[in-house]
N, C-alpha and C. Protein backbone atom coordinates (compact mmCIF):
# COMPACT_ATOMS: atom_id res chain seq x y z
N UNK A 1 0.13 19.05 3.81
CA UNK A 1 -1.30 18.32 3.67
C UNK A 1 -2.22 19.71 4.45
N UNK A 2 -3.34 19.00 3.84
CA UNK A 2 -4.79 20.48 3.90
C UNK A 2 -5.53 20.33 5.41
N UNK A 3 -5.85 21.26 5.34
CA UNK A 3 -6.45 21.25 6.16
C UNK A 3 -7.09 20.85 6.63
N UNK A 4 -8.06 19.99 6.06
CA UNK A 4 -9.55 19.60 7.24
C UNK A 4 -8.53 18.18 7.37
N UNK A 5 -7.47 17.58 6.98
CA UNK A 5 -6.32 16.79 7.09
C UNK A 5 -5.84 16.85 8.50
N UNK A 6 -5.50 18.45 9.04
CA UNK A 6 -4.95 18.85 9.77
C UNK A 6 -5.69 18.74 11.39
N UNK A 7 -7.00 18.72 10.88
CA UNK A 7 -8.27 18.61 11.51
C UNK A 7 -8.52 17.72 12.22
N UNK A 8 -8.07 16.93 11.94
CA UNK A 8 -8.74 15.39 11.85
C UNK A 8 -8.09 15.26 13.27
N UNK A 9 -8.97 14.57 14.34
CA UNK A 9 -7.94 14.49 16.44
C UNK A 9 -7.56 13.30 15.86
N UNK A 10 -6.28 13.02 16.70
CA UNK A 10 -5.65 12.61 16.83
C UNK A 10 -5.62 11.11 17.20
N UNK A 11 -6.92 11.63 17.97
CA UNK A 11 -7.21 9.84 18.76
C UNK A 11 -8.15 8.90 17.66
N UNK A 12 -8.37 9.36 16.17
CA UNK A 12 -9.28 8.33 15.26
C UNK A 12 -8.46 7.18 14.63
N UNK A 13 -7.59 6.76 15.26
CA UNK A 13 -6.56 6.08 15.35
C UNK A 13 -6.00 5.80 13.52
N UNK A 14 -5.73 6.71 12.62
CA UNK A 14 -5.20 7.03 11.50
C UNK A 14 -3.80 7.00 11.59
N UNK A 15 -3.04 6.04 10.68
CA UNK A 15 -1.72 6.20 10.84
C UNK A 15 -1.96 6.63 9.31
N UNK A 16 -0.30 7.51 9.61
CA UNK A 16 0.29 8.52 7.83
C UNK A 16 1.18 6.66 7.18
N UNK A 17 0.27 6.36 5.76
CA UNK A 17 1.18 5.38 5.31
C UNK A 17 1.72 6.17 3.87
N UNK A 18 2.88 5.50 2.90
CA UNK A 18 3.14 5.51 1.89
C UNK A 18 2.51 4.00 1.10
N UNK A 19 3.90 4.46 -0.32
CA UNK A 19 3.66 3.42 -1.49
C UNK A 19 4.95 3.48 -2.18
N UNK A 20 5.57 2.63 -1.51
CA UNK A 20 7.08 2.52 -2.00
C UNK A 20 7.71 3.91 -1.30
N UNK A 21 7.33 4.57 -1.22
CA UNK A 21 8.37 5.66 -0.48
C UNK A 21 7.61 6.89 -1.55
N UNK A 22 6.31 6.93 -2.58
CA UNK A 22 6.13 7.95 -2.89
C UNK A 22 4.41 7.80 -1.86
N UNK A 23 4.29 9.02 -2.31
CA UNK A 23 1.94 9.47 -2.04
C UNK A 23 2.83 9.59 -0.70
N UNK A 24 1.68 10.15 -0.38
CA UNK A 24 0.55 10.09 1.04
C UNK A 24 -1.03 9.78 1.78
N UNK A 25 -0.55 8.93 2.28
CA UNK A 25 -2.20 8.23 2.63
C UNK A 25 -2.24 8.53 4.09
N UNK A 26 -3.30 8.10 4.34
CA UNK A 26 -3.77 7.62 6.07
C UNK A 26 -4.53 6.56 6.09
N UNK A 27 -4.14 5.40 6.71
CA UNK A 27 -5.25 4.17 6.88
C UNK A 27 -5.71 4.22 8.12
N UNK A 28 -6.91 4.55 8.12
CA UNK A 28 -8.17 4.54 8.89
C UNK A 28 -8.59 2.85 9.15
N UNK A 29 -8.87 1.69 9.82
CA UNK A 29 -9.23 0.80 9.93
C UNK A 29 -8.77 0.40 8.75
N UNK A 30 -9.69 -0.39 8.12
CA UNK A 30 -9.51 -0.77 6.70
C UNK A 30 -9.27 -0.21 5.89
N UNK A 31 -9.77 1.58 5.89
CA UNK A 31 -9.84 2.29 4.03
C UNK A 31 -8.92 3.13 3.91
N UNK A 32 -8.42 3.67 2.93
CA UNK A 32 -7.07 4.42 3.00
C UNK A 32 -7.64 5.59 2.42
N UNK A 33 -7.10 7.07 3.27
CA UNK A 33 -7.62 8.17 2.70
C UNK A 33 -5.71 8.61 1.44
N UNK A 34 -5.98 8.36 0.49
CA UNK A 34 -5.64 9.04 -0.02
C UNK A 34 -5.20 10.23 -0.27
N UNK A 35 -3.81 11.28 0.28
CA UNK A 35 -3.67 12.54 -0.41
C UNK A 35 -3.00 13.35 -0.70
N UNK A 36 -1.62 12.42 -1.07
CA UNK A 36 -1.09 12.48 -2.73
C UNK A 36 -0.99 11.08 -3.29
N UNK A 37 -1.33 11.58 -4.24
CA UNK A 37 -0.77 10.45 -5.00
C UNK A 37 0.58 9.56 -5.48
N UNK A 38 0.42 8.56 -5.34
CA UNK A 38 1.59 7.82 -5.51
C UNK A 38 2.62 7.24 -6.97
N UNK A 39 1.76 8.07 -7.81
CA UNK A 39 1.96 8.02 -9.45
C UNK A 39 2.12 9.15 -10.12
N UNK A 40 0.78 9.89 -9.79
CA UNK A 40 1.28 11.51 -10.32
C UNK A 40 1.30 12.51 -9.52
N UNK A 41 2.08 12.20 -8.38
CA UNK A 41 2.27 12.90 -7.39
C UNK A 41 1.43 14.23 -7.10
N UNK A 42 0.39 14.47 -7.28
CA UNK A 42 -0.83 15.52 -7.55
C UNK A 42 -1.39 15.49 -5.55
N UNK A 43 -1.52 16.53 -5.07
CA UNK A 43 -1.99 16.53 -3.98
C UNK A 43 -3.59 16.14 -3.87
N UNK A 44 -4.17 15.43 -3.37
CA UNK A 44 -5.86 14.72 -3.71
C UNK A 44 -6.48 15.96 -3.27
N UNK A 45 -8.24 16.21 -4.08
CA UNK A 45 -9.29 16.89 -3.37
C UNK A 45 -10.06 15.85 -2.33
N UNK A 46 -10.31 16.51 -1.08
CA UNK A 46 -11.19 15.80 -0.58
C UNK A 46 -12.20 15.11 -1.04
N UNK A 47 -12.98 14.89 -1.92
CA UNK A 47 -13.72 13.65 -2.50
C UNK A 47 -13.13 12.48 -3.13
N UNK A 48 -11.93 12.96 -3.47
CA UNK A 48 -11.28 11.65 -4.00
C UNK A 48 -10.69 11.00 -2.97
N UNK A 49 -9.91 11.98 -1.70
CA UNK A 49 -9.21 10.87 -1.45
C UNK A 49 -9.76 10.03 -0.18
N UNK A 50 -11.03 10.90 -0.17
CA UNK A 50 -12.33 9.90 0.83
C UNK A 50 -12.32 8.81 0.34
N UNK A 51 -12.73 9.10 -0.44
CA UNK A 51 -12.95 7.23 -1.67
C UNK A 51 -11.47 6.48 -1.84
N UNK A 52 -10.81 7.16 -1.80
CA UNK A 52 -8.77 6.69 -1.72
C UNK A 52 -9.27 5.52 -2.84
N UNK A 53 -9.60 6.78 -3.94
CA UNK A 53 -9.01 7.29 -5.42
C UNK A 53 -7.85 8.32 -5.91
N UNK A 54 -7.49 8.64 -6.59
CA UNK A 54 -6.55 10.06 -6.45
C UNK A 54 -7.70 10.15 -8.30
N UNK A 55 -8.19 11.64 -7.52
CA UNK A 55 -8.46 12.82 -8.83
C UNK A 55 -7.89 13.30 -10.04
N UNK A 56 -7.26 13.43 -9.68
CA UNK A 56 -6.04 13.24 -11.03
C UNK A 56 -5.82 13.17 -11.55
N UNK A 57 -5.93 11.00 -11.33
CA UNK A 57 -5.11 10.61 -12.91
C UNK A 57 -6.45 8.61 -11.92
N UNK A 58 -6.46 8.99 -11.55
CA UNK A 58 -8.02 7.75 -11.15
C UNK A 58 -6.86 6.88 -10.41
N UNK A 59 -5.54 6.48 -9.73
CA UNK A 59 -5.41 5.37 -9.39
C UNK A 59 -5.44 5.34 -7.74
N UNK A 60 -5.59 3.80 -8.10
CA UNK A 60 -6.35 3.28 -6.68
C UNK A 60 -5.41 2.40 -6.11
N UNK A 61 -5.21 3.34 -4.60
CA UNK A 61 -3.92 2.13 -4.41
C UNK A 61 -4.49 0.63 -3.69
N UNK A 62 -3.35 0.27 -3.73
CA UNK A 62 -3.59 -1.39 -2.73
C UNK A 62 -2.98 -0.98 -1.49
N UNK A 63 -3.78 -1.84 -0.77
CA UNK A 63 -3.44 -1.59 0.24
C UNK A 63 -2.55 -2.33 1.27
N UNK A 64 -2.78 -3.55 0.11
CA UNK A 64 -1.33 -4.19 0.16
C UNK A 64 -0.23 -3.33 0.17
N UNK A 65 0.38 -2.47 -0.76
CA UNK A 65 1.24 -1.64 -1.02
C UNK A 65 1.61 -0.65 -0.16
N UNK A 66 0.78 -0.37 1.04
CA UNK A 66 1.20 0.34 2.06
C UNK A 66 1.94 0.13 3.44
N UNK A 67 2.66 0.97 3.51
CA UNK A 67 3.89 0.92 4.33
C UNK A 67 3.99 2.06 5.09
N UNK A 68 4.12 2.23 6.46
CA UNK A 68 4.39 3.52 7.51
C UNK A 68 5.46 3.71 7.94
N UNK A 69 4.66 4.82 7.45
CA UNK A 69 5.75 6.54 7.48
C UNK A 69 6.40 6.23 8.70
N UNK A 70 7.71 6.26 8.80
CA UNK A 70 8.93 6.28 9.51
C UNK A 70 9.06 7.40 10.40
N UNK A 71 9.35 7.43 11.64
CA UNK A 71 8.74 8.42 12.56
C UNK A 71 9.85 9.69 12.02
N UNK A 72 10.87 9.47 11.92
CA UNK A 72 12.23 10.51 11.25
C UNK A 72 11.24 11.05 10.08
N UNK A 73 10.13 10.78 8.70
CA UNK A 73 9.62 11.08 7.69
C UNK A 73 8.47 12.39 7.83
N UNK A 74 7.99 11.46 9.45
CA UNK A 74 6.71 11.91 9.67
C UNK A 74 7.10 13.76 10.17
N UNK A 75 5.02 14.79 10.07
CA UNK A 75 6.14 16.01 9.78
C UNK A 75 5.90 16.20 11.69
């Protein structure tokens, strides 16, 4: 996980989500911050992550596919 995400305060209400066990994103309110793309498995650049798209393959995740990361999977 990149440093700019680790520096986010834990009180911001963001939760870690995955997409059918692939990729990694933060759900903050109604938006997704895509950290690792579930399609191409590349770590996303900050600009793409904040826009919610993959900078590598242009994948746009569906909020309906987002699943909470289980406590055992969290870092």
